Amino acid sequence: MNDRLRLTFTPSEVTKPVVCHMARQFQVEFSIRRADVQPNAGWMDLELSGEEAEIERAIAWLEEQGVRVSPVGGDVMAG
């Protein structure tokens, strides 16, 4: 299963390697499609691949870390 997601980071999370920790902790792979990360905030569009239950666990964990997660519709490469 693949999920396309937008992660939005607040100033306290933007400098933390949360995506790296997520990939190590859960059986998911990610591909960064687009991103805009500044010193005080940022967002990242990524595609998560893996079993549905594991993706759901990874998303819940990201939200626990203070990252806002929302679905991305359509082709995230378009812009």
N, C-alpha and C. Protein backbone atom coordinates (compact mmCIF):
# COMPACT_ATOMS: atom_id res chain seq x y z
N MET A 1 0.84 -1.18 0.00
CA MET A 1 0.00 0.00 0.00
C MET A 1 0.88 1.24 0.00
N ASN A 2 0.43 2.28 -0.72
CA ASN A 2 1.13 3.56 -0.75
C ASN A 2 0.19 4.65 -0.28
N ASP A 3 0.67 5.52 0.57
CA ASP A 3 -0.08 6.69 1.02
C ASP A 3 0.74 7.93 0.70
N ARG A 4 0.09 8.93 0.12
CA ARG A 4 0.75 10.21 -0.12
C ARG A 4 0.31 11.17 0.97
N LEU A 5 1.28 11.73 1.66
CA LEU A 5 1.01 12.53 2.84
C LEU A 5 1.75 13.85 2.81
N ARG A 6 1.17 14.84 3.46
CA ARG A 6 1.89 16.09 3.73
C ARG A 6 2.15 16.15 5.23
N LEU A 7 3.42 16.30 5.57
CA LEU A 7 3.82 16.49 6.96
C LEU A 7 4.10 17.97 7.15
N THR A 8 3.53 18.56 8.18
CA THR A 8 3.76 19.97 8.48
C THR A 8 4.44 20.04 9.84
N PHE A 9 5.58 20.72 9.87
CA PHE A 9 6.41 20.79 11.06
C PHE A 9 6.34 22.17 11.70
N THR A 10 6.24 22.20 13.01
CA THR A 10 6.29 23.44 13.77
C THR A 10 7.76 23.74 14.09
N PRO A 11 8.04 24.92 14.62
CA PRO A 11 9.44 25.25 14.93
C PRO A 11 10.14 24.23 15.82
N SER A 12 9.42 23.64 16.76
CA SER A 12 10.07 22.68 17.67
C SER A 12 10.36 21.33 17.02
N GLU A 13 9.64 20.99 15.95
CA GLU A 13 9.85 19.70 15.29
C GLU A 13 10.72 19.79 14.03
N VAL A 14 10.83 20.98 13.45
CA VAL A 14 11.46 21.09 12.13
C VAL A 14 12.93 20.67 12.14
N THR A 15 13.60 20.78 13.27
CA THR A 15 15.01 20.40 13.31
C THR A 15 15.25 18.96 13.75
N LYS A 16 14.19 18.25 14.10
CA LYS A 16 14.32 16.87 14.57
C LYS A 16 14.23 15.89 13.38
N PRO A 17 14.98 14.79 13.41
CA PRO A 17 14.95 13.81 12.31
C PRO A 17 13.78 12.82 12.45
N VAL A 18 12.55 13.34 12.53
CA VAL A 18 11.41 12.47 12.80
C VAL A 18 11.14 11.47 11.67
N VAL A 19 11.35 11.85 10.43
CA VAL A 19 11.10 10.92 9.32
C VAL A 19 12.09 9.77 9.37
N CYS A 20 13.32 10.06 9.67
CA CYS A 20 14.34 9.01 9.82
C CYS A 20 13.97 8.06 10.96
N HIS A 21 13.58 8.61 12.10
CA HIS A 21 13.18 7.77 13.24
C HIS A 21 11.96 6.93 12.91
N MET A 22 11.01 7.51 12.17
CA MET A 22 9.81 6.77 11.77
C MET A 22 10.19 5.55 10.94
N ALA A 23 11.07 5.75 9.96
CA ALA A 23 11.45 4.65 9.07
C ALA A 23 12.20 3.56 9.83
N ARG A 24 12.94 3.92 10.84
CA ARG A 24 13.66 2.92 11.64
C ARG A 24 12.74 2.16 12.58
N GLN A 25 11.72 2.85 13.07
CA GLN A 25 10.84 2.26 14.09
C GLN A 25 9.73 1.41 13.48
N PHE A 26 9.31 1.72 12.26
CA PHE A 26 8.19 1.03 11.63
C PHE A 26 8.63 0.43 10.30
N GLN A 27 7.94 -0.60 9.88
CA GLN A 27 8.25 -1.28 8.63
C GLN A 27 7.62 -0.53 7.46
N VAL A 28 8.13 0.68 7.22
CA VAL A 28 7.65 1.52 6.12
C VAL A 28 8.86 2.08 5.37
N GLU A 29 8.63 2.38 4.12
CA GLU A 29 9.63 3.08 3.31
C GLU A 29 9.01 4.40 2.89
N PHE A 30 9.85 5.40 2.69
CA PHE A 30 9.33 6.69 2.28
C PHE A 30 10.12 7.24 1.10
N SER A 31 9.43 8.05 0.33
CA SER A 31 10.04 8.78 -0.77
C SER A 31 9.59 10.23 -0.65
N ILE A 32 10.54 11.13 -0.50
CA ILE A 32 10.21 12.55 -0.40
C ILE A 32 9.95 13.06 -1.81
N ARG A 33 8.78 13.64 -2.02
CA ARG A 33 8.38 14.14 -3.33
C ARG A 33 8.59 15.63 -3.48
N ARG A 34 8.30 16.37 -2.44
CA ARG A 34 8.50 17.82 -2.41
C ARG A 34 8.70 18.22 -0.96
N ALA A 35 9.39 19.31 -0.77
CA ALA A 35 9.57 19.80 0.60
C ALA A 35 9.97 21.27 0.58
N ASP A 36 9.62 21.93 1.65
CA ASP A 36 10.05 23.30 1.89
C ASP A 36 10.30 23.40 3.39
N VAL A 37 11.56 23.37 3.75
CA VAL A 37 11.92 23.36 5.16
C VAL A 37 12.77 24.60 5.45
N GLN A 38 12.31 25.39 6.38
CA GLN A 38 12.99 26.61 6.81
C GLN A 38 13.42 26.42 8.27
N PRO A 39 14.24 27.30 8.80
CA PRO A 39 14.69 27.15 10.20
C PRO A 39 13.56 27.14 11.22
N ASN A 40 12.42 27.79 10.90
CA ASN A 40 11.36 27.92 11.91
C ASN A 40 10.10 27.12 11.61
N ALA A 41 9.99 26.51 10.45
CA ALA A 41 8.81 25.70 10.10
C ALA A 41 9.06 25.04 8.75
N GLY A 42 8.18 24.11 8.39
CA GLY A 42 8.35 23.48 7.09
C GLY A 42 7.28 22.45 6.83
N TRP A 43 7.27 21.98 5.57
CA TRP A 43 6.36 20.91 5.17
C TRP A 43 7.11 19.97 4.25
N MET A 44 6.58 18.76 4.14
CA MET A 44 7.18 17.73 3.30
C MET A 44 6.07 16.86 2.75
N ASP A 45 6.05 16.69 1.42
CA ASP A 45 5.15 15.73 0.80
C ASP A 45 5.94 14.45 0.61
N LEU A 46 5.40 13.35 1.10
CA LEU A 46 6.10 12.09 0.93
C LEU A 46 5.12 10.98 0.62
N GLU A 47 5.67 9.94 0.06
CA GLU A 47 4.90 8.73 -0.23
C GLU A 47 5.40 7.65 0.72
N LEU A 48 4.48 7.10 1.50
CA LEU A 48 4.80 6.02 2.43
C LEU A 48 4.35 4.70 1.84
N SER A 49 5.22 3.71 1.88
CA SER A 49 4.89 2.38 1.37
C SER A 49 5.04 1.36 2.49
N GLY A 50 4.14 0.38 2.50
CA GLY A 50 4.20 -0.68 3.48
C GLY A 50 2.82 -1.25 3.72
N GLU A 51 2.73 -2.15 4.70
CA GLU A 51 1.45 -2.72 5.07
C GLU A 51 0.56 -1.62 5.66
N GLU A 52 -0.73 -1.68 5.38
CA GLU A 52 -1.65 -0.64 5.82
C GLU A 52 -1.59 -0.40 7.33
N ALA A 53 -1.58 -1.47 8.11
CA ALA A 53 -1.54 -1.31 9.56
C ALA A 53 -0.26 -0.64 10.02
N GLU A 54 0.85 -0.94 9.37
CA GLU A 54 2.13 -0.35 9.76
C GLU A 54 2.17 1.14 9.37
N ILE A 55 1.60 1.48 8.23
CA ILE A 55 1.51 2.89 7.82
C ILE A 55 0.66 3.65 8.83
N GLU A 56 -0.46 3.07 9.24
CA GLU A 56 -1.32 3.73 10.23
C GLU A 56 -0.59 3.94 11.55
N ARG A 57 0.19 2.96 11.97
CA ARG A 57 0.97 3.10 13.20
C ARG A 57 2.02 4.20 13.06
N ALA A 58 2.66 4.27 11.89
CA ALA A 58 3.68 5.30 11.64
C ALA A 58 3.05 6.70 11.66
N ILE A 59 1.88 6.84 11.04
CA ILE A 59 1.19 8.12 11.02
C ILE A 59 0.80 8.54 12.44
N ALA A 60 0.27 7.61 13.21
CA ALA A 60 -0.10 7.92 14.60
C ALA A 60 1.12 8.36 15.39
N TRP A 61 2.24 7.70 15.17
CA TRP A 61 3.48 8.07 15.87
C TRP A 61 3.93 9.47 15.49
N LEU A 62 3.88 9.79 14.18
CA LEU A 62 4.25 11.13 13.73
C LEU A 62 3.40 12.19 14.43
N GLU A 63 2.10 11.94 14.50
CA GLU A 63 1.20 12.89 15.16
C GLU A 63 1.53 13.03 16.64
N GLU A 64 1.93 11.93 17.28
CA GLU A 64 2.34 12.00 18.69
C GLU A 64 3.58 12.86 18.86
N GLN A 65 4.41 12.94 17.82
CA GLN A 65 5.62 13.74 17.86
C GLN A 65 5.34 15.22 17.61
N GLY A 66 4.08 15.56 17.31
CA GLY A 66 3.72 16.95 17.07
C GLY A 66 3.70 17.35 15.61
N VAL A 67 3.83 16.38 14.71
CA VAL A 67 3.80 16.65 13.28
C VAL A 67 2.36 16.56 12.80
N ARG A 68 1.90 17.55 12.05
CA ARG A 68 0.55 17.48 11.47
C ARG A 68 0.64 16.66 10.18
N VAL A 69 -0.21 15.66 10.05
CA VAL A 69 -0.22 14.77 8.90
C VAL A 69 -1.56 14.90 8.19
N SER A 70 -1.50 15.15 6.89
CA SER A 70 -2.73 15.24 6.09
C SER A 70 -2.50 14.56 4.75
N PRO A 71 -3.56 14.04 4.15
CA PRO A 71 -3.41 13.37 2.85
C PRO A 71 -3.12 14.37 1.74
N VAL A 72 -2.40 13.90 0.73
CA VAL A 72 -2.11 14.69 -0.45
C VAL A 72 -2.82 14.01 -1.61
N GLY A 73 -3.67 14.74 -2.32
CA GLY A 73 -4.39 14.17 -3.45
C GLY A 73 -3.66 14.44 -4.75
N GLY A 74 -3.86 13.58 -5.72
CA GLY A 74 -3.29 13.78 -7.05
C GLY A 74 -1.80 13.49 -7.08
N ASP A 75 -1.16 14.01 -8.11
CA ASP A 75 0.25 13.78 -8.34
C ASP A 75 1.06 14.81 -7.57
N VAL A 76 1.78 14.38 -6.55
CA VAL A 76 2.54 15.31 -5.74
C VAL A 76 3.75 15.88 -6.49
N MET A 77 4.07 15.32 -7.64
CA MET A 77 5.18 15.84 -8.43
C MET A 77 4.76 17.06 -9.23
N ALA A 78 3.48 17.23 -9.46
CA ALA A 78 3.01 18.38 -10.24
C ALA A 78 3.17 19.64 -9.40
N GLY A 79 3.41 20.73 -10.03
CA GLY A 79 3.52 21.90 -9.21
C GLY A 79 3.59 23.12 -9.98
